[in-house]
Amino acid sequence: MFENIGENLSAMISIPTVSGAGNEPFYHIEEYRDYLRTTFQTLFTAADITPVGEALLLKLRGTGSRLLHEEKTPGIPLPVLFTGHMDVVPAADEASWKFPPFSGRIADGCVWGRGSQDMKGPQCALLSAFESLLEEGWCPKRDIWLYLSCDEETGGFTTGRAAKLLKDKKIHFETVFDEGGTICDDFMGLVKGKAALFGIAEKGSLEYRFTALSRGGHSANPPAHSAIVRLADFIHEVEYADFFRKELSEGNRAMLRAAAGYSPDTIRDKLLQAADEQGDYPVLHEICKDADTLLGATIAFTMIEGGTAFNVMPKKAVLTANVRVSCTEKAEEITEKLKKAAERHDLLCELAGGRDAAPESSTGAPGYLAMKASVEETYPGLPVIPFVLGGGTDSRHFLELTDNVLRFSPMYALPEQGRGVHGDNEYASIQAVKDAAQCYSVLLKKL
């Protein structure tokens, strides 16, 4: 089964779909859509297709579709949505690649090139599963929607339009399935060997700018509390004080308990202790090197501007920070704290953009349980671990349309393959893509 999946993925990668201003020569999205229509012809023929800008919404009608006025009718299932993006990030340093990034080279049982992991590989697996099942005569029990995004890597403006279109139709999904977690090795040092990581939430991402104004002057006569000094004092306060609330969310507690179920006795008890901890979380810090990223918001100072010459005091200096927000402390609370701290150092604080944290979905939700059963059938004995994703996905645009989002692609990636996502030498194992397609096939029959 799925004999041509490697060749199909190779062709998908060889059509560059780099989104974003300045990348137009490498954004052949129309050619890519045409390739999908031709290669997955049975799916595209069976589906109702709605273009949204350069993106596509596909709908497969189910045999037991729920009408709008039948929303509470027992036994009639709500629809589900699968979302995934067609666009990719640039491959800037081509000289560092083993094979050209848009060659789609097949070598050593793998397909090499930009997008093989993120996310043309998983997309090829999902579309292959639909195609194979439809060719066999399968009909879904419920309406199944697919959204093929064109600009996820640049913010997902088009996805916002697609979500509004669905909202206007008063469509509510039982589950939205998106990218996020994968099958990986040695998760956070807590689970030895392979594990399937189910993303049940994602942190928010906020951009702040802090501006210091000063009278400037010559460096031979530096004023006290200059612009750069005040920014430095502010950085020191925020970086080294317990500035944000340290709290383990319920999703992260569920992650620790799930990991305990697959761990040896020596670590299992500590995982369970950490899952129930409050306060300073000493056990969590003992067993997890990334404990601080699990305990609420984090801040990273990423850019600083100011000054025109080595011997001139700047009249203005600007600091930029990225805050990753947990559901345990919302964006408005973070903003209030940062504004007060900025005032203490005579700085201006501006929230320049971003999004709040997504709510955590239930590990007992039907979509979660269906995917879990599909993974266990396809990969017997593989641990399934819920976790909170640090990055963002298209799924955030659909939060008003569902109570449950599952961010997971059932495709195995070595640690070095994970580093290739948005980096050099991205590649996917053909067998891993086949296995993912099989897992999606099992899932679709369960929905």
Protein backbone atom coordinates (compact mmCIF):
# COMPACT_ATOMS: atom_id res chain seq x y z
CA MET A 1 0.00 0.00 0.00
CA PHE A 2 1.09 3.60 -0.74
CA GLU A 3 3.76 2.38 -3.18
CA ASN A 4 4.11 5.79 -4.87
CA ILE A 5 4.17 7.90 -1.74
CA GLY A 6 7.89 8.65 -1.98
CA GLU A 7 7.62 9.80 -5.59
CA ASN A 8 4.56 11.90 -4.76
CA LEU A 9 6.30 13.61 -1.86
CA SER A 10 9.37 14.20 -4.01
CA ALA A 11 7.24 15.98 -6.59
CA MET A 12 5.51 18.05 -3.90
CA ILE A 13 8.87 19.22 -2.53
CA SER A 14 10.21 20.04 -6.00
CA ILE A 15 7.46 22.66 -6.37
CA PRO A 16 8.70 25.50 -4.13
CA THR A 17 5.99 27.19 -2.05
CA VAL A 18 7.96 29.67 0.04
CA SER A 19 5.50 32.23 1.40
CA GLY A 20 6.22 35.81 2.43
CA ALA A 21 7.20 39.09 0.83
CA GLY A 22 10.33 38.83 -1.27
CA ASN A 23 9.92 35.09 -1.87
CA GLU A 24 7.65 35.37 -4.92
CA PRO A 25 10.10 33.55 -7.28
CA PHE A 26 9.88 30.53 -4.96
CA TYR A 27 6.12 30.63 -4.36
CA HIS A 28 4.56 28.36 -7.01
CA ILE A 29 1.39 27.74 -5.03
CA GLU A 30 -0.89 27.43 -8.08
CA GLU A 31 1.36 24.76 -9.58
CA TYR A 32 1.39 22.97 -6.24
CA ARG A 33 -2.41 23.01 -5.96
CA ASP A 34 -2.68 21.68 -9.51
CA TYR A 35 -0.33 18.85 -8.63
CA LEU A 36 -2.47 17.91 -5.63
CA ARG A 37 -5.63 17.93 -7.74
CA THR A 38 -4.01 15.61 -10.30
CA THR A 39 -2.28 13.25 -7.88
CA PHE A 40 -5.18 12.94 -5.43
CA GLN A 41 -7.85 13.06 -8.11
CA THR A 42 -10.35 10.80 -6.36
CA LEU A 43 -10.34 13.00 -3.26
CA PHE A 44 -10.65 16.26 -5.18
CA THR A 45 -13.44 14.83 -7.32
CA ALA A 46 -15.40 13.60 -4.30
CA ALA A 47 -15.03 16.79 -2.28
CA ASP A 48 -16.87 20.09 -2.44
CA ILE A 49 -14.08 22.65 -2.94
CA THR A 50 -14.14 26.26 -1.80
CA PRO A 51 -11.15 28.48 -2.65
CA VAL A 52 -10.16 30.94 0.08
CA GLY A 53 -7.63 33.25 -1.53
CA GLU A 54 -4.84 30.89 -2.52
CA ALA A 55 -5.90 28.30 0.07
CA LEU A 56 -8.46 25.53 -0.35
CA LEU A 57 -11.34 24.21 1.77
CA LEU A 58 -12.49 20.70 0.92
CA LYS A 59 -15.60 19.02 2.30
CA LEU A 60 -16.42 15.32 2.13
CA ARG A 61 -20.09 14.77 2.91
CA GLY A 62 -20.75 12.10 5.51
CA THR A 63 -23.52 9.53 5.45
CA GLY A 64 -24.79 10.78 8.82
CA SER A 65 -24.21 14.51 8.43
CA ARG A 66 -25.65 16.75 11.10
CA LEU A 67 -27.90 19.52 9.85
CA LEU A 68 -27.71 22.91 11.51
CA HIS A 69 -31.09 22.53 13.19
CA GLU A 70 -30.17 19.01 14.34
CA GLU A 71 -27.21 20.15 16.39
CA LYS A 72 -28.31 18.34 19.53
CA THR A 73 -29.73 15.24 17.87
CA PRO A 74 -28.26 12.09 19.48
CA GLY A 75 -26.29 9.77 17.22
CA ILE A 76 -25.59 12.33 14.52
CA PRO A 77 -21.88 13.19 14.63
CA LEU A 78 -20.44 16.66 14.42
CA PRO A 79 -17.97 17.27 11.56
CA VAL A 80 -14.19 17.27 12.01
CA LEU A 81 -11.55 19.43 10.36
CA PHE A 82 -8.05 18.52 9.23
CA THR A 83 -5.86 21.55 8.63
CA GLY A 84 -2.34 21.73 7.25
CA HIS A 85 -0.25 24.17 5.27
CA MET A 86 1.09 24.03 1.74
CA ASP A 87 3.65 26.81 2.23
CA VAL A 88 7.19 26.42 3.54
CA VAL A 89 9.94 28.63 4.95
CA PRO A 90 12.93 29.74 2.84
CA ALA A 91 16.06 27.65 2.41
CA ALA A 92 18.57 30.48 2.58
CA ASP A 93 21.95 28.73 2.67
CA GLU A 94 21.67 26.20 -0.15
CA ALA A 95 25.40 25.45 0.01
CA SER A 96 24.88 23.84 3.43
CA TRP A 97 22.40 21.29 2.08
CA LYS A 98 23.37 17.75 1.17
CA PHE A 99 21.02 17.97 -1.80
CA PRO A 100 19.42 21.10 -3.29
CA PRO A 101 16.51 22.08 -0.99
CA PHE A 102 13.88 21.99 -3.75
CA SER A 103 15.20 18.95 -5.59
CA GLY A 104 13.00 16.43 -3.80
CA ARG A 105 15.94 14.05 -4.14
CA ILE A 106 15.21 10.44 -3.18
CA ALA A 107 18.27 8.85 -1.57
CA ASP A 108 18.91 6.33 1.19
CA GLY A 109 15.20 5.56 1.52
CA CYS A 110 14.40 9.22 2.22
CA VAL A 111 13.03 12.27 0.45
CA TRP A 112 15.21 15.35 0.90
CA GLY A 113 14.11 18.94 0.70
CA ARG A 114 12.37 21.89 2.28
CA GLY A 115 8.95 20.91 3.60
CA SER A 116 9.58 17.17 3.86
CA GLN A 117 8.85 17.38 7.61
CA ASP A 118 7.03 20.72 7.83
CA MET A 119 4.67 19.83 6.48
CA LYS A 120 4.47 18.32 3.03
CA GLY A 121 5.42 14.89 4.40
CA PRO A 122 2.46 14.70 6.81
CA GLN A 123 0.24 16.34 4.19
CA CYS A 124 1.22 13.73 1.62
CA ALA A 125 0.45 11.01 4.16
CA LEU A 126 -2.99 12.43 4.98
CA LEU A 127 -4.02 13.01 1.37
CA SER A 128 -2.74 9.54 0.42
CA ALA A 129 -4.92 8.02 3.15
CA PHE A 130 -8.00 9.83 1.87
CA GLU A 131 -7.22 8.85 -1.72
CA SER A 132 -6.69 5.17 -0.92
CA LEU A 133 -9.84 4.84 1.18
CA LEU A 134 -12.03 6.62 -1.36
CA GLU A 135 -10.70 4.41 -4.14
CA GLU A 136 -11.77 1.42 -2.02
CA GLY A 137 -15.31 2.81 -1.77
CA TRP A 138 -15.09 4.19 1.77
CA CYS A 139 -17.62 6.82 2.80
CA PRO A 140 -17.18 8.88 5.98
CA LYS A 141 -19.89 8.68 8.63
CA ARG A 142 -19.67 12.42 9.28
CA ASP A 143 -18.72 15.47 7.25
CA ILE A 144 -14.94 15.76 7.05
CA TRP A 145 -13.37 19.07 6.13
CA LEU A 146 -9.81 19.68 4.98
CA TYR A 147 -8.18 23.09 4.94
CA LEU A 148 -5.00 23.49 2.89
CA SER A 149 -3.39 26.72 4.07
CA CYS A 150 -1.24 28.96 1.90
CA ASP A 151 0.43 31.23 4.48
CA GLU A 152 0.84 29.47 7.83
CA GLU A 153 4.53 30.31 7.93
CA THR A 154 3.80 34.04 7.66
CA GLY A 155 0.97 34.39 10.18
CA GLY A 156 -2.03 32.73 8.59
CA PHE A 157 -4.02 35.79 7.47
CA THR A 158 -5.85 33.67 4.89
CA THR A 159 -6.66 31.08 7.54
CA GLY A 160 -8.43 33.77 9.52
CA ARG A 161 -10.64 34.35 6.46
CA ALA A 162 -11.35 30.62 6.18
CA ALA A 163 -12.31 30.44 9.85
CA LYS A 164 -14.71 33.37 9.44
CA LEU A 165 -16.30 31.69 6.42
CA LEU A 166 -16.93 28.54 8.48
CA LYS A 167 -18.16 30.57 11.43
CA ASP A 168 -20.64 32.38 9.19
CA LYS A 169 -21.94 28.96 8.13
CA LYS A 170 -22.45 28.19 11.86
CA ILE A 171 -20.24 25.10 11.62
CA HIS A 172 -18.94 23.62 14.87
CA PHE A 173 -16.32 20.88 14.76
CA GLU A 174 -16.01 18.01 17.20
CA THR A 175 -12.23 18.10 16.71
CA VAL A 176 -9.75 20.13 14.70
CA PHE A 177 -6.68 18.08 13.74
CA ASP A 178 -3.49 20.02 12.95
CA GLU A 179 0.30 19.67 12.99
CA GLY A 180 2.31 20.08 16.18
CA GLY A 181 3.61 16.98 17.91
CA THR A 182 5.23 14.04 16.12
CA ILE A 183 6.65 10.65 16.95
CA CYS A 184 10.08 11.38 18.40
CA ASP A 185 12.83 9.99 20.63
CA ASP A 186 13.63 10.66 24.30
CA PHE A 187 10.97 13.28 24.92
CA MET A 188 12.44 15.93 27.27
CA GLY A 189 14.51 13.16 28.84
CA LEU A 190 11.33 11.89 30.52
CA VAL A 191 10.40 9.01 28.18
CA LYS A 192 13.13 6.75 26.82
CA GLY A 193 12.76 5.62 23.22
CA LYS A 194 10.00 6.63 20.85
CA ALA A 195 6.79 8.33 21.91
CA ALA A 196 3.83 9.95 20.15
CA LEU A 197 3.45 13.53 21.34
CA PHE A 198 -0.14 14.80 21.23
CA GLY A 199 -0.30 18.59 21.38
CA ILE A 200 -3.38 19.49 23.41
CA ALA A 201 -2.60 23.22 23.60
CA GLU A 202 -0.09 25.79 22.48
CA LYS A 203 1.52 28.73 24.18
CA GLY A 204 0.72 32.23 23.02
CA SER A 205 3.39 34.48 21.54
CA LEU A 206 3.51 38.21 22.31
CA GLU A 207 5.88 40.89 21.01
CA TYR A 208 6.77 43.79 23.32
CA ARG A 209 8.83 46.91 22.66
CA PHE A 210 10.45 48.88 25.46
CA THR A 211 11.65 52.38 24.62
CA ALA A 212 14.12 54.46 26.65
CA LEU A 213 14.42 58.18 25.90
CA SER A 214 17.36 60.32 26.99
CA ARG A 215 18.93 63.73 26.34
CA GLY A 216 21.89 62.09 24.62
CA GLY A 217 25.25 63.81 24.64
CA HIS A 218 28.95 62.98 24.34
CA SER A 219 30.33 59.79 25.84
CA ALA A 220 33.08 61.81 27.53
CA ASN A 221 30.44 63.19 29.89
CA PRO A 222 27.90 60.36 30.25
CA PRO A 223 24.67 61.19 32.07
CA ALA A 224 23.42 58.96 34.86
CA HIS A 225 20.60 56.57 34.03
CA SER A 226 21.11 56.80 30.29
CA ALA A 227 18.78 55.04 27.87
CA ILE A 228 20.88 51.91 27.50
CA VAL A 229 21.60 51.66 31.23
CA ARG A 230 17.89 51.82 32.06
CA LEU A 231 17.17 49.09 29.54
CA ALA A 232 19.94 46.99 31.07
CA ASP A 233 18.51 47.45 34.56
CA PHE A 234 15.09 46.46 33.27
CA ILE A 235 16.47 43.32 31.57
CA HIS A 236 18.26 42.33 34.77
CA GLU A 237 15.10 42.72 36.85
CA VAL A 238 12.92 40.69 34.50
CA GLU A 239 15.53 38.05 33.70
CA TYR A 240 16.66 37.24 37.23
CA ALA A 241 13.59 37.82 39.39
CA ASP A 242 10.61 35.49 39.68
CA PHE A 243 8.79 37.85 37.40
CA PHE A 244 6.04 35.63 35.99
CA ARG A 245 3.82 33.26 37.89
CA LYS A 246 5.38 29.79 38.18
CA GLU A 247 2.54 27.34 37.80
CA LEU A 248 2.16 23.94 36.16
CA SER A 249 -0.94 23.77 33.97
CA GLU A 250 -3.31 20.82 34.02
CA GLY A 251 -2.09 19.82 30.55
CA ASN A 252 1.50 19.65 31.74
CA ARG A 253 0.43 17.68 34.80
CA ALA A 254 -1.32 15.24 32.45
CA MET A 255 1.92 15.00 30.44
CA LEU A 256 3.91 14.02 33.54
CA ARG A 257 1.35 11.43 34.62
CA ALA A 258 1.27 9.92 31.13
CA ALA A 259 5.08 9.78 31.02
CA ALA A 260 5.06 8.01 34.41
CA GLY A 261 3.03 5.20 32.87
CA TYR A 262 5.89 4.38 30.50
CA SER A 263 8.84 4.94 32.84
CA PRO A 264 10.86 2.62 35.10
CA ASP A 265 10.07 2.62 38.83
CA THR A 266 13.04 4.85 39.68
CA ILE A 267 11.66 7.77 37.70
CA ARG A 268 7.94 6.95 37.75
CA ASP A 269 7.44 7.98 41.37
CA LYS A 270 9.23 11.28 40.81
CA LEU A 271 7.13 12.01 37.72
CA LEU A 272 3.98 11.45 39.75
CA GLN A 273 5.34 13.64 42.57
CA ALA A 274 6.16 16.38 40.08
CA ALA A 275 2.66 16.14 38.59
CA ASP A 276 1.16 16.97 42.00
CA GLU A 277 3.70 19.62 43.05
CA GLN A 278 2.97 23.22 43.96
CA GLY A 279 5.23 26.08 45.02
CA ASP A 280 8.87 25.91 43.87
CA TYR A 281 8.56 22.55 42.06
CA PRO A 282 11.84 21.04 43.31
CA VAL A 283 11.15 17.54 41.96
CA LEU A 284 10.24 18.85 38.51
CA HIS A 285 13.51 20.79 38.34
CA GLU A 286 15.41 17.70 39.43
CA ILE A 287 14.05 15.44 36.71
CA CYS A 288 13.45 17.86 33.82
CA LYS A 289 16.08 20.18 32.36
CA ASP A 290 13.33 22.18 30.64
CA ALA A 291 11.26 22.67 33.80
CA ASP A 292 11.18 26.46 33.51
CA THR A 293 9.53 26.31 30.08
CA LEU A 294 6.72 24.21 31.58
CA LEU A 295 6.05 26.61 34.45
CA GLY A 296 4.17 29.43 32.80
CA ALA A 297 5.38 32.33 30.68
CA THR A 298 8.93 32.79 29.43
CA ILE A 299 10.56 35.95 28.05
CA ALA A 300 13.36 36.22 25.49
CA PHE A 301 15.01 39.55 24.69
CA THR A 302 15.62 39.31 20.97
CA MET A 303 16.55 42.73 19.53
CA ILE A 304 18.01 46.02 20.73
CA GLU A 305 18.49 49.22 18.75
CA GLY A 306 20.10 52.53 19.66
CA GLY A 307 23.12 54.67 19.10
CA THR A 308 24.77 56.10 16.00
CA ALA A 309 28.43 56.14 16.96
CA PHE A 310 30.72 54.62 19.59
CA ASN A 311 31.24 57.97 21.32
CA VAL A 312 27.69 59.36 21.16
CA MET A 313 25.05 58.78 23.83
CA PRO A 314 21.80 57.78 22.12
CA LYS A 315 18.65 59.80 22.62
CA LYS A 316 16.58 56.70 22.07
CA ALA A 317 17.09 52.96 22.57
CA VAL A 318 14.51 50.27 21.83
CA LEU A 319 14.42 46.74 23.19
CA THR A 320 12.24 43.97 21.73
CA ALA A 321 11.13 40.89 23.63
CA ASN A 322 9.15 37.77 22.80
CA VAL A 323 6.99 36.37 25.59
CA ARG A 324 5.59 32.85 25.30
CA VAL A 325 2.37 32.85 27.32
CA SER A 326 0.93 29.89 29.18
CA CYS A 327 -2.76 29.43 29.92
CA THR A 328 -1.85 29.79 33.62
CA GLU A 329 -1.18 33.54 33.17
CA LYS A 330 -3.03 35.38 30.43
CA ALA A 331 -1.72 38.08 28.12
CA GLU A 332 -3.43 40.96 29.94
CA GLU A 333 -1.77 39.95 33.23
CA ILE A 334 1.63 39.72 31.53
CA THR A 335 1.17 43.12 29.91
CA GLU A 336 0.22 44.77 33.19
CA LYS A 337 3.31 43.35 34.93
CA LEU A 338 5.65 44.48 32.16
CA LYS A 339 4.18 47.96 32.04
CA LYS A 340 4.67 48.42 35.78
CA ALA A 341 8.26 47.17 35.55
CA ALA A 342 8.93 49.48 32.60
CA GLU A 343 7.60 52.46 34.56
CA ARG A 344 10.03 51.68 37.39
CA HIS A 345 12.88 52.19 34.91
CA ASP A 346 11.31 55.16 33.11
CA LEU A 347 10.60 53.13 29.97
CA LEU A 348 7.68 53.06 27.58
CA CYS A 349 6.10 49.60 27.14
CA GLU A 350 4.16 48.72 23.99
CA LEU A 351 2.44 45.43 23.18
CA ALA A 352 3.29 45.30 19.47
CA GLY A 353 1.31 42.19 18.55
CA GLY A 354 0.80 38.50 19.07
CA ARG A 355 -1.73 36.08 20.50
CA ASP A 356 -2.75 34.66 23.84
CA ALA A 357 -2.33 31.02 24.86
CA ALA A 358 -4.79 28.48 23.48
CA PRO A 359 -7.00 26.62 25.95
CA GLU A 360 -6.01 23.06 26.79
CA SER A 361 -8.11 20.36 25.14
CA SER A 362 -9.26 17.26 26.99
CA THR A 363 -7.36 13.99 26.76
CA GLY A 364 -10.77 12.32 27.06
CA ALA A 365 -12.20 14.04 23.97
CA PRO A 366 -13.42 11.79 21.12
CA GLY A 367 -10.80 13.03 18.63
CA TYR A 368 -7.96 12.48 21.09
CA LEU A 369 -9.15 8.96 21.90
CA ALA A 370 -9.66 8.10 18.22
CA MET A 371 -6.15 9.23 17.31
CA LYS A 372 -4.71 7.45 20.35
CA ALA A 373 -6.41 4.19 19.32
CA SER A 374 -5.16 4.66 15.73
CA VAL A 375 -1.58 5.20 16.89
CA GLU A 376 -1.73 2.16 19.17
CA GLU A 377 -3.04 0.04 16.29
CA THR A 378 -0.45 1.30 13.80
CA TYR A 379 2.50 1.45 16.22
CA PRO A 380 1.85 -1.26 18.86
CA GLY A 381 3.30 -0.41 22.26
CA LEU A 382 4.14 3.19 21.38
CA PRO A 383 3.65 5.57 24.35
CA VAL A 384 1.17 8.41 23.79
CA ILE A 385 2.00 11.59 25.72
CA PRO A 386 -0.07 14.81 25.81
CA PHE A 387 1.94 18.04 25.90
CA VAL A 388 1.70 21.80 25.40
CA LEU A 389 3.26 23.07 22.19
CA GLY A 390 5.66 25.98 22.47
CA GLY A 391 5.07 27.24 18.91
CA GLY A 392 1.96 28.27 17.02
CA THR A 393 -0.17 26.49 14.42
CA ASP A 394 -3.05 27.35 12.10
CA SER A 395 -5.40 25.72 14.60
CA ARG A 396 -5.48 28.91 16.69
CA HIS A 397 -7.72 30.49 14.04
CA PHE A 398 -10.36 27.81 14.57
CA LEU A 399 -10.62 27.94 18.37
CA GLU A 400 -14.09 29.52 18.23
CA LEU A 401 -15.31 26.63 16.08
CA THR A 402 -14.39 23.70 18.33
CA ASP A 403 -13.90 22.63 21.92
CA ASN A 404 -11.00 20.33 21.10
CA VAL A 405 -7.85 20.69 19.02
CA LEU A 406 -5.30 17.91 18.53
CA ARG A 407 -1.94 18.99 17.16
CA PHE A 408 -0.17 15.84 16.00
CA SER A 409 1.28 14.28 12.85
CA PRO A 410 1.69 10.49 13.17
CA MET A 411 5.10 10.51 11.47
CA TYR A 412 8.39 9.51 13.06
CA ALA A 413 11.34 11.91 12.99
CA LEU A 414 14.86 11.38 14.28
CA PRO A 415 16.30 14.18 16.45
CA GLU A 416 18.42 15.38 13.52
CA GLN A 417 15.32 15.51 11.34
CA GLY A 418 13.62 17.71 13.89
CA ARG A 419 16.56 20.10 13.72
CA GLY A 420 16.12 20.24 9.94
CA VAL A 421 12.65 21.77 10.30
CA HIS A 422 13.25 25.44 9.37
CA GLY A 423 16.94 24.52 9.18
CA ASP A 424 19.30 22.81 6.75
CA ASN A 425 19.01 19.30 5.29
CA GLU A 426 15.35 18.67 6.04
CA TYR A 427 14.34 15.16 5.02
CA ALA A 428 11.73 12.47 5.66
CA SER A 429 11.94 8.70 5.66
CA ILE A 430 9.67 7.20 3.00
CA GLN A 431 8.73 4.40 5.40
CA ALA A 432 7.79 6.98 8.04
CA VAL A 433 5.48 8.72 5.56
CA LYS A 434 3.90 5.37 4.64
CA ASP A 435 3.36 4.53 8.31
CA ALA A 436 1.76 7.94 8.87
CA ALA A 437 -0.57 7.35 5.92
CA GLN A 438 -1.57 4.01 7.41
CA CYS A 439 -2.27 5.65 10.76
CA TYR A 440 -4.42 8.31 9.11
CA SER A 441 -6.32 5.56 7.28
CA VAL A 442 -7.09 3.84 10.56
CA LEU A 443 -8.18 7.14 12.09
CA LEU A 444 -10.49 8.10 9.22
CA LYS A 445 -12.33 4.80 9.52
CA LYS A 446 -12.80 5.40 13.25
CA LEU A 447 -14.25 8.91 12.93
